[in-house]
Amino acid sequence: MATGIMFLVMFGLMFVGVPIAVSLFIALFVLIGLNPVTTANYLAQSLYSGVANFTMLALPFFMVAGTIMETGGLSKRLVNAANAMVGGITGSLGMVTIIACMFFGAVSGSAPATVAAIGTIMIPMMVREGYNKYYATGLICVAGGLGIIVPPSYPMVLYGVTCNVSIGDLFIAGLGPALVVGGILMVINYFYCKKHGLKGRNKFSFNNMFKSFWDAKAALVMPIIILGGIYGGIFTATEAAVIAAVYGILIGLFVYKELKLKKLWSIFKDNAVFIAGTMFVMAPARATGSVFAFLGVNEAVSNFIFGISSNYFMVLTLIFIILFITGMFVQTTPAVVILAPTLLAVVQQVGVTPIHFGMIMVLGLAIAFVTPPVALNLFVGASMTGISIDKITRAAAVFIVGLILAFFIVAFIPQISLFIVG
């Protein structure tokens, strides 16, 4: 009864516009007021321990690094490299958009940042070449989800910290799912463009591709440094995040020379607000997870799911439904921190490893970025183009179906995530 009231209070406050962190705070204290399963002192300690974690420092540094990459001249060079790879095949600009999102995701770790950086360049270019503006915007909003699937990824960091899983292994495991998602989106784009007669004008040239890759080499080498350093044991994930931020500053200031010191200060200031908000949500989310453990929520969820079916495929389908519905209403940070430990305890009973479930969780959240009402990528796309959320959603529907298909492929075939990690 008390738990039900807690959820009613939490979602009711969110519905009327109260910030998620405040809603969680109030709901927690309502709960212990009705059912004192723990003390206010323990809650205070849980709030502190929720953010007092060395590995958690990787999160703000990756966020800063992504913003620096977005403003330091990397995005247009990555687009040029992707364009040179594709040439003039059917649907080439759509393909370029998807590949550029993969490239930019490898240096930003953020889905909304990927939409903003690549969309600003590619949407006008696609419209000039005859693509429907709604289609172009829907494509970039969905392909922007590759920003959190291609490592490094801030939801992977959140998941790794929350569930005590190696962030380096999660980053490596993300390579396979990213290729699956990118491949499916390209196939959908190909058939759309074939139907509408959209072909590229640029002929493929090895010389042009070499020049474009050489111009973008400083951006393209960053993921190699990060993943190679982590997996090679040279530095930790937190140290890698710091290296990424410093590397981005040096490249933007002295190599591409498009990042100015004045702009750098505004980047730090803007990110400080966003990072503080993320940490503010992280604290009560971790405390909520601790209270759920006292209440036996993990066991209740497990009993509910296995009461329906204990079949591997059915359990993962139920997990998808939970993630899909949650992602429509709850932002990434609380979704990962609250749900991940509970759902991981469930799926481990059917043989899913923590690394594999991390990929399942990230793909589920990538879908959440384009499923209203809480759909950050759609809001970014709408702000760039002036197109309403509902029209973007309709245009993106076929790509959202592609994301869902990718989710089940990755969920049902664990080797896609684990073939390198083992």
Protein backbone atom coordinates (compact mmCIF):
# COMPACT_ATOMS: atom_id res chain seq x y z
CA MET A 1 0.00 0.00 0.00
CA ALA A 2 2.72 2.45 1.00
CA THR A 3 4.75 1.58 -2.10
CA GLY A 4 1.74 2.21 -4.32
CA ILE A 5 1.19 5.61 -2.70
CA MET A 6 4.87 6.40 -3.23
CA PHE A 7 4.55 5.75 -6.97
CA LEU A 8 1.33 7.76 -7.17
CA VAL A 9 3.02 10.72 -5.46
CA MET A 10 6.13 10.43 -7.64
CA PHE A 11 4.32 10.22 -10.99
CA GLY A 12 1.71 12.75 -9.92
CA LEU A 13 4.40 15.31 -9.12
CA MET A 14 6.20 14.59 -12.40
CA PHE A 15 2.92 14.99 -14.28
CA VAL A 16 2.37 18.50 -12.93
CA GLY A 17 5.91 19.53 -13.84
CA VAL A 18 7.87 19.04 -10.62
CA PRO A 19 11.52 18.16 -11.42
CA ILE A 20 12.25 14.43 -11.33
CA ALA A 21 14.81 14.70 -8.52
CA VAL A 22 12.42 16.64 -6.29
CA SER A 23 9.60 14.21 -7.09
CA LEU A 24 11.82 11.29 -6.03
CA PHE A 25 12.85 13.09 -2.82
CA ILE A 26 9.27 13.79 -1.77
CA ALA A 27 8.05 10.31 -2.73
CA LEU A 28 10.80 8.69 -0.67
CA PHE A 29 9.94 10.63 2.46
CA VAL A 30 6.23 9.96 1.96
CA LEU A 31 7.10 6.26 1.81
CA ILE A 32 9.13 6.13 5.02
CA GLY A 33 6.46 8.26 6.70
CA LEU A 34 3.85 5.61 5.88
CA ASN A 35 6.10 2.57 6.18
CA PRO A 36 9.35 3.22 8.12
CA VAL A 37 11.41 0.51 6.40
CA THR A 38 14.47 2.67 7.00
CA THR A 39 15.46 5.97 8.60
CA ALA A 40 15.97 9.47 7.27
CA ASN A 41 19.64 9.17 8.27
CA TYR A 42 20.06 6.10 6.05
CA LEU A 43 18.36 7.93 3.19
CA ALA A 44 20.78 10.84 3.61
CA GLN A 45 23.73 8.44 3.48
CA SER A 46 22.27 6.79 0.36
CA LEU A 47 21.87 10.18 -1.30
CA TYR A 48 25.53 10.95 -0.68
CA SER A 49 26.83 7.53 -1.73
CA GLY A 50 24.77 7.79 -4.92
CA VAL A 51 27.17 10.38 -6.31
CA ALA A 52 30.32 9.90 -4.18
CA ASN A 53 31.92 7.46 -6.57
CA PHE A 54 35.27 7.85 -8.33
CA THR A 55 34.07 6.11 -11.47
CA MET A 56 31.10 8.49 -11.61
CA LEU A 57 33.58 11.29 -12.40
CA ALA A 58 33.79 9.82 -15.90
CA LEU A 59 30.25 11.04 -16.56
CA PRO A 60 30.82 14.83 -16.38
CA PHE A 61 34.12 14.59 -18.26
CA PHE A 62 32.56 12.61 -21.12
CA MET A 63 29.74 15.17 -21.24
CA VAL A 64 32.24 18.03 -21.47
CA ALA A 65 34.29 16.16 -24.08
CA GLY A 66 31.18 15.62 -26.22
CA THR A 67 30.27 19.31 -26.18
CA ILE A 68 33.83 20.30 -27.01
CA MET A 69 33.83 17.91 -29.96
CA GLU A 70 30.50 19.34 -31.12
CA THR A 71 31.79 22.93 -31.21
CA GLY A 72 35.44 22.36 -32.10
CA GLY A 73 35.04 21.66 -35.83
CA LEU A 74 34.87 17.88 -35.62
CA SER A 75 31.30 17.36 -36.81
CA LYS A 76 31.72 18.76 -40.32
CA ARG A 77 34.95 16.80 -40.84
CA LEU A 78 33.24 13.59 -39.73
CA VAL A 79 30.39 14.31 -42.15
CA ASN A 80 32.91 14.83 -44.97
CA ALA A 81 34.60 11.54 -44.11
CA ALA A 82 31.27 9.70 -44.11
CA ASN A 83 30.30 11.34 -47.42
CA ALA A 84 33.55 10.26 -49.03
CA MET A 85 32.97 6.66 -47.87
CA VAL A 86 29.50 6.39 -49.40
CA GLY A 87 29.88 8.02 -52.80
CA GLY A 88 26.85 8.22 -55.11
CA ILE A 89 24.81 5.11 -54.23
CA THR A 90 21.03 5.17 -53.80
CA GLY A 91 20.13 7.09 -50.66
CA SER A 92 23.71 8.24 -50.18
CA LEU A 93 22.94 11.30 -48.04
CA GLY A 94 20.79 9.21 -45.70
CA MET A 95 23.66 6.73 -45.44
CA VAL A 96 26.06 9.59 -44.76
CA THR A 97 23.80 10.82 -41.97
CA ILE A 98 23.78 7.41 -40.27
CA ILE A 99 27.56 6.88 -40.62
CA ALA A 100 28.26 10.43 -39.45
CA CYS A 101 26.09 9.78 -36.37
CA MET A 102 28.16 6.68 -35.66
CA PHE A 103 31.39 8.64 -36.04
CA PHE A 104 30.16 11.50 -33.87
CA GLY A 105 28.75 9.11 -31.28
CA ALA A 106 32.25 7.69 -30.96
CA VAL A 107 33.51 11.08 -29.80
CA SER A 108 30.48 12.49 -27.94
CA GLY A 109 28.65 9.70 -26.08
CA SER A 110 25.41 11.70 -26.20
CA ALA A 111 22.31 11.16 -28.36
CA PRO A 112 20.92 14.75 -28.26
CA ALA A 113 24.39 16.18 -28.99
CA THR A 114 24.69 13.86 -31.99
CA VAL A 115 21.30 14.99 -33.33
CA ALA A 116 22.26 18.65 -32.92
CA ALA A 117 25.77 18.38 -34.38
CA ILE A 118 24.99 16.18 -37.39
CA GLY A 119 21.43 17.40 -37.99
CA THR A 120 22.52 21.02 -38.34
CA ILE A 121 24.69 19.99 -41.29
CA MET A 122 22.77 17.10 -42.85
CA ILE A 123 19.10 18.17 -42.74
CA PRO A 124 19.56 21.24 -45.01
CA MET A 125 21.83 19.20 -47.29
CA MET A 126 19.28 16.38 -47.60
CA VAL A 127 16.41 18.79 -48.28
CA ARG A 128 18.40 20.46 -51.07
CA GLU A 129 18.91 17.05 -52.67
CA GLY A 130 15.17 16.30 -52.73
CA TYR A 131 14.62 14.47 -49.43
CA ASN A 132 11.36 15.16 -47.62
CA LYS A 133 12.11 17.47 -44.68
CA TYR A 134 10.01 15.37 -42.29
CA TYR A 135 11.81 12.21 -43.37
CA ALA A 136 15.24 13.84 -43.00
CA THR A 137 14.41 15.10 -39.51
CA GLY A 138 12.95 11.74 -38.43
CA LEU A 139 16.05 9.95 -39.70
CA ILE A 140 18.48 12.20 -37.85
CA CYS A 141 16.45 11.96 -34.62
CA VAL A 142 16.55 8.15 -34.67
CA ALA A 143 20.13 7.85 -35.99
CA GLY A 144 21.19 10.24 -33.22
CA GLY A 145 20.47 7.39 -30.80
CA LEU A 146 23.71 5.86 -32.09
CA GLY A 147 25.36 8.52 -29.92
CA ILE A 148 24.71 6.37 -26.85
CA ILE A 149 25.16 2.98 -28.54
CA VAL A 150 28.57 3.62 -30.09
CA PRO A 151 31.14 3.77 -27.26
CA PRO A 152 31.97 5.83 -25.29
CA SER A 153 28.45 6.29 -23.96
CA TYR A 154 27.26 8.04 -20.83
CA PRO A 155 24.37 5.56 -20.19
CA MET A 156 27.00 2.79 -20.28
CA VAL A 157 28.94 4.68 -17.61
CA LEU A 158 25.76 5.04 -15.51
CA TYR A 159 24.95 1.35 -15.91
CA GLY A 160 28.52 0.29 -15.10
CA VAL A 161 28.60 2.36 -11.91
CA THR A 162 25.11 1.30 -10.83
CA CYS A 163 25.59 -2.43 -11.42
CA ASN A 164 29.34 -2.63 -10.71
CA VAL A 165 30.18 -3.74 -14.26
CA SER A 166 33.43 -2.98 -16.11
CA ILE A 167 32.90 0.18 -18.16
CA GLY A 168 35.73 -0.84 -20.48
CA ASP A 169 33.99 -4.13 -21.26
CA LEU A 170 30.70 -2.30 -21.82
CA PHE A 171 32.39 0.05 -24.29
CA ILE A 172 33.87 -2.85 -26.24
CA ALA A 173 30.56 -4.73 -26.18
CA GLY A 174 28.81 -1.72 -27.71
CA LEU A 175 30.58 -2.13 -31.06
CA GLY A 176 28.45 -5.05 -32.27
CA PRO A 177 25.04 -3.55 -31.38
CA ALA A 178 26.06 -0.23 -32.97
CA LEU A 179 26.79 -2.00 -36.27
CA VAL A 180 23.44 -3.84 -36.09
CA VAL A 181 21.49 -0.61 -35.50
CA GLY A 182 23.43 1.29 -38.17
CA GLY A 183 22.96 -1.51 -40.68
CA ILE A 184 19.19 -1.76 -40.14
CA LEU A 185 18.74 2.00 -40.45
CA MET A 186 20.75 1.98 -43.69
CA VAL A 187 18.60 -0.80 -45.17
CA ILE A 188 15.41 1.13 -44.35
CA ASN A 189 16.88 4.30 -45.83
CA TYR A 190 17.96 2.44 -49.00
CA PHE A 191 14.47 1.13 -49.75
CA TYR A 192 12.86 4.52 -49.03
CA CYS A 193 15.29 6.29 -51.36
CA LYS A 194 14.97 3.60 -54.04
CA LYS A 195 11.18 4.09 -53.98
CA HIS A 196 11.54 7.88 -54.33
CA GLY A 197 14.45 7.86 -56.78
CA LEU A 198 16.94 9.57 -54.48
CA LYS A 199 20.48 8.95 -55.68
CA GLY A 200 23.74 10.60 -54.73
CA ARG A 201 25.67 12.88 -57.04
CA ASN A 202 29.18 12.36 -55.71
CA LYS A 203 31.15 9.56 -57.30
CA PHE A 204 33.22 7.38 -55.03
CA SER A 205 36.93 8.12 -55.13
CA PHE A 206 39.68 6.50 -53.07
CA ASN A 207 41.68 9.70 -53.36
CA ASN A 208 38.79 11.80 -52.04
CA MET A 209 38.14 9.32 -49.24
CA PHE A 210 41.80 9.36 -48.21
CA LYS A 211 41.84 13.17 -48.13
CA SER A 212 38.64 13.34 -46.07
CA PHE A 213 39.86 10.76 -43.58
CA TRP A 214 43.21 12.51 -43.32
CA ASP A 215 41.45 15.81 -42.57
CA ALA A 216 39.32 14.08 -39.91
CA LYS A 217 42.14 11.93 -38.48
CA ALA A 218 42.36 13.86 -35.20
CA ALA A 219 38.66 13.20 -34.55
CA LEU A 220 38.68 9.60 -35.74
CA VAL A 221 41.66 8.60 -33.61
CA MET A 222 40.03 9.67 -30.32
CA PRO A 223 37.83 6.56 -29.86
CA ILE A 224 40.88 4.40 -30.57
CA ILE A 225 42.81 6.18 -27.83
CA ILE A 226 39.93 5.84 -25.35
CA LEU A 227 38.97 2.23 -26.03
CA GLY A 228 42.54 1.08 -26.59
CA GLY A 229 43.72 2.74 -23.39
CA ILE A 230 40.91 1.33 -21.25
CA TYR A 231 41.00 -2.18 -22.66
CA GLY A 232 44.79 -2.24 -22.69
CA GLY A 233 44.88 -1.38 -19.00
CA ILE A 234 46.74 1.89 -19.59
CA PHE A 235 44.12 4.01 -17.81
CA THR A 236 40.72 3.68 -16.15
CA ALA A 237 37.40 4.83 -17.60
CA THR A 238 37.53 7.96 -15.44
CA GLU A 239 41.04 8.79 -16.60
CA ALA A 240 39.95 8.11 -20.20
CA ALA A 241 37.14 10.66 -19.82
CA VAL A 242 39.62 13.29 -18.63
CA ILE A 243 41.96 12.45 -21.51
CA ALA A 244 39.06 12.78 -23.96
CA ALA A 245 38.17 16.25 -22.63
CA VAL A 246 41.77 17.48 -22.73
CA TYR A 247 42.34 15.94 -26.16
CA GLY A 248 39.23 17.65 -27.50
CA ILE A 249 40.38 21.02 -26.18
CA LEU A 250 43.83 20.66 -27.74
CA ILE A 251 42.42 19.56 -31.11
CA GLY A 252 39.79 22.29 -31.17
CA LEU A 253 42.21 25.06 -30.16
CA PHE A 254 45.42 24.16 -31.96
CA VAL A 255 44.63 21.69 -34.78
CA TYR A 256 41.24 22.70 -36.20
CA LYS A 257 41.43 26.15 -34.57
CA GLU A 258 37.63 26.47 -34.42
CA LEU A 259 37.39 26.41 -30.62
CA LYS A 260 38.00 29.75 -28.90
CA LEU A 261 38.91 30.26 -25.25
CA LYS A 262 35.83 32.43 -24.75
CA LYS A 263 33.64 29.66 -26.12
CA LEU A 264 35.43 27.11 -23.95
CA TRP A 265 34.39 29.01 -20.83
CA SER A 266 30.73 28.99 -21.92
CA ILE A 267 30.99 25.23 -22.61
CA PHE A 268 32.15 24.63 -19.03
CA LYS A 269 29.43 26.88 -17.62
CA ASP A 270 26.62 25.28 -19.64
CA ASN A 271 27.80 21.77 -18.82
CA ALA A 272 28.09 22.59 -15.13
CA VAL A 273 24.33 23.20 -15.03
CA PHE A 274 23.55 20.00 -16.93
CA ILE A 275 25.99 17.90 -14.89
CA ALA A 276 24.62 19.29 -11.62
CA GLY A 277 21.11 18.36 -12.76
CA THR A 278 22.23 14.84 -13.63
CA MET A 279 23.94 14.37 -10.26
CA PHE A 280 20.89 15.83 -8.51
CA VAL A 281 18.76 13.13 -10.13
CA MET A 282 21.38 10.43 -9.51
CA ALA A 283 21.35 10.90 -5.72
CA PRO A 284 17.64 10.20 -5.02
CA ALA A 285 17.56 7.57 -7.77
CA ARG A 286 20.27 5.56 -5.97
CA ALA A 287 18.47 6.07 -2.66
CA THR A 288 15.25 4.80 -4.26
CA GLY A 289 17.10 1.70 -5.39
CA SER A 290 18.28 1.08 -1.82
CA VAL A 291 14.75 1.46 -0.46
CA PHE A 292 13.46 -0.94 -3.13
CA ALA A 293 15.91 -3.52 -1.82
CA PHE A 294 14.45 -3.14 1.70
CA LEU A 295 10.92 -3.47 0.33
CA GLY A 296 11.74 -6.59 -1.69
CA VAL A 297 10.80 -4.94 -4.99
CA ASN A 298 13.46 -6.96 -6.84
CA GLU A 299 11.88 -10.20 -5.68
CA ALA A 300 8.37 -8.93 -6.46
CA VAL A 301 9.33 -7.97 -10.03
CA SER A 302 11.07 -11.33 -10.48
CA ASN A 303 8.04 -13.21 -9.23
CA PHE A 304 5.75 -11.17 -11.50
CA ILE A 305 7.81 -11.84 -14.64
CA PHE A 306 8.43 -15.52 -13.92
CA GLY A 307 4.78 -15.87 -13.00
CA ILE A 308 4.06 -15.11 -16.66
CA SER A 309 6.89 -17.13 -18.19
CA SER A 310 10.40 -18.36 -17.49
CA ASN A 311 11.24 -18.73 -21.18
CA TYR A 312 14.39 -16.81 -22.14
CA PHE A 313 12.80 -15.07 -25.11
CA MET A 314 9.57 -14.25 -23.28
CA VAL A 315 11.43 -12.80 -20.30
CA LEU A 316 13.45 -10.51 -22.57
CA THR A 317 10.26 -9.48 -24.39
CA LEU A 318 8.71 -8.49 -21.04
CA ILE A 319 11.90 -6.58 -20.20
CA PHE A 320 11.52 -4.71 -23.50
CA ILE A 321 7.94 -3.76 -22.63
CA ILE A 322 9.04 -2.45 -19.23
CA LEU A 323 11.90 -0.43 -20.75
CA PHE A 324 9.72 0.89 -23.57
CA ILE A 325 6.95 2.12 -21.29
CA THR A 326 9.37 3.52 -18.70
CA GLY A 327 11.38 5.33 -21.38
CA MET A 328 8.27 7.15 -22.56
CA PHE A 329 7.91 8.89 -19.19
CA VAL A 330 11.23 8.75 -17.31
CA GLN A 331 14.58 10.27 -18.28
CA THR A 332 17.71 8.19 -18.86
CA THR A 333 19.50 8.71 -15.53
CA PRO A 334 16.72 7.65 -13.13
CA ALA A 335 15.65 4.89 -15.52
CA VAL A 336 19.12 3.30 -15.44
CA VAL A 337 19.79 3.81 -11.73
CA ILE A 338 16.39 2.59 -10.52
CA LEU A 339 15.62 -0.18 -13.02
CA ALA A 340 19.02 -1.67 -13.90
CA PRO A 341 19.77 -3.53 -10.61
CA THR A 342 16.21 -4.87 -10.38
CA LEU A 343 15.97 -6.05 -13.98
CA LEU A 344 19.53 -7.42 -14.00
CA ALA A 345 18.64 -9.67 -11.05
CA VAL A 346 15.74 -11.01 -13.12
CA VAL A 347 17.53 -11.65 -16.41
CA GLN A 348 20.54 -13.29 -14.74
CA GLN A 349 18.18 -16.10 -13.74
CA VAL A 350 17.71 -16.96 -17.43
CA GLY A 351 21.43 -16.76 -18.26
CA VAL A 352 21.85 -13.14 -19.39
CA THR A 353 25.24 -11.74 -18.37
CA PRO A 354 25.65 -8.23 -16.89
CA ILE A 355 27.56 -7.07 -20.00
CA HIS A 356 24.88 -8.35 -22.37
CA PHE A 357 22.12 -6.80 -20.28
CA GLY A 358 23.99 -3.49 -20.37
CA MET A 359 23.60 -3.52 -24.17
CA ILE A 360 19.92 -4.45 -23.85
CA MET A 361 19.42 -1.54 -21.45
CA VAL A 362 21.23 0.95 -23.68
CA LEU A 363 19.26 -0.09 -26.77
CA GLY A 364 16.02 0.23 -24.82
CA LEU A 365 17.01 3.75 -23.81
CA ALA A 366 17.99 4.63 -27.38
CA ILE A 367 14.38 3.87 -28.34
CA ALA A 368 13.21 6.05 -25.43
CA PHE A 369 14.97 9.06 -26.98
CA VAL A 370 12.40 9.02 -29.82
CA THR A 371 9.20 7.87 -28.06
CA PRO A 372 7.08 10.78 -26.73
CA PRO A 373 6.26 12.39 -24.41
CA VAL A 374 9.82 12.32 -22.94
CA ALA A 375 11.86 12.15 -26.16
CA LEU A 376 14.91 14.41 -26.08
CA ASN A 377 16.00 13.70 -29.66
CA LEU A 378 12.60 14.73 -30.99
CA PHE A 379 12.72 17.98 -29.05
CA VAL A 380 16.16 18.74 -30.48
CA GLY A 381 14.93 17.94 -34.00
CA ALA A 382 11.87 20.13 -33.51
CA SER A 383 13.95 23.05 -32.24
CA MET A 384 16.24 22.83 -35.28
CA THR A 385 13.53 22.58 -37.93
CA GLY A 386 10.35 24.05 -36.45
CA ILE A 387 8.50 20.80 -37.24
CA SER A 388 6.06 19.65 -34.55
CA ILE A 389 6.87 16.60 -32.42
CA ASP A 390 3.91 14.59 -33.72
CA LYS A 391 4.93 15.07 -37.37
CA ILE A 392 8.53 14.08 -36.65
CA THR A 393 7.29 11.01 -34.78
CA ARG A 394 5.16 9.90 -37.75
CA ALA A 395 8.10 10.38 -40.13
CA ALA A 396 10.43 8.51 -37.79
CA ALA A 397 8.01 5.61 -37.16
CA VAL A 398 9.62 3.24 -39.67
CA PHE A 399 13.05 3.89 -38.15
CA ILE A 400 11.69 3.37 -34.64
CA VAL A 401 10.43 -0.03 -35.81
CA GLY A 402 14.00 -0.64 -37.05
CA LEU A 403 15.36 0.22 -33.59
CA ILE A 404 12.92 -2.21 -31.99
CA LEU A 405 14.00 -4.93 -34.44
CA ALA A 406 17.65 -4.21 -33.55
CA PHE A 407 16.78 -4.48 -29.85
CA PHE A 408 15.41 -8.00 -30.25
CA ILE A 409 18.29 -9.11 -32.49
CA VAL A 410 20.83 -7.95 -29.91
CA ALA A 411 18.78 -9.31 -27.00
CA PHE A 412 18.22 -12.74 -28.54
CA ILE A 413 21.75 -13.16 -29.95
CA PRO A 414 24.18 -12.38 -27.09
CA GLN A 415 27.23 -13.13 -29.25
CA ILE A 416 26.70 -9.80 -31.02
CA SER A 417 27.64 -8.03 -27.79
CA LEU A 418 30.04 -10.58 -26.35
CA PHE A 419 32.07 -11.77 -29.35
CA ILE A 420 35.01 -9.53 -28.37
CA VAL A 421 34.54 -9.34 -24.60
CA GLY A 422 34.03 -13.09 -24.28
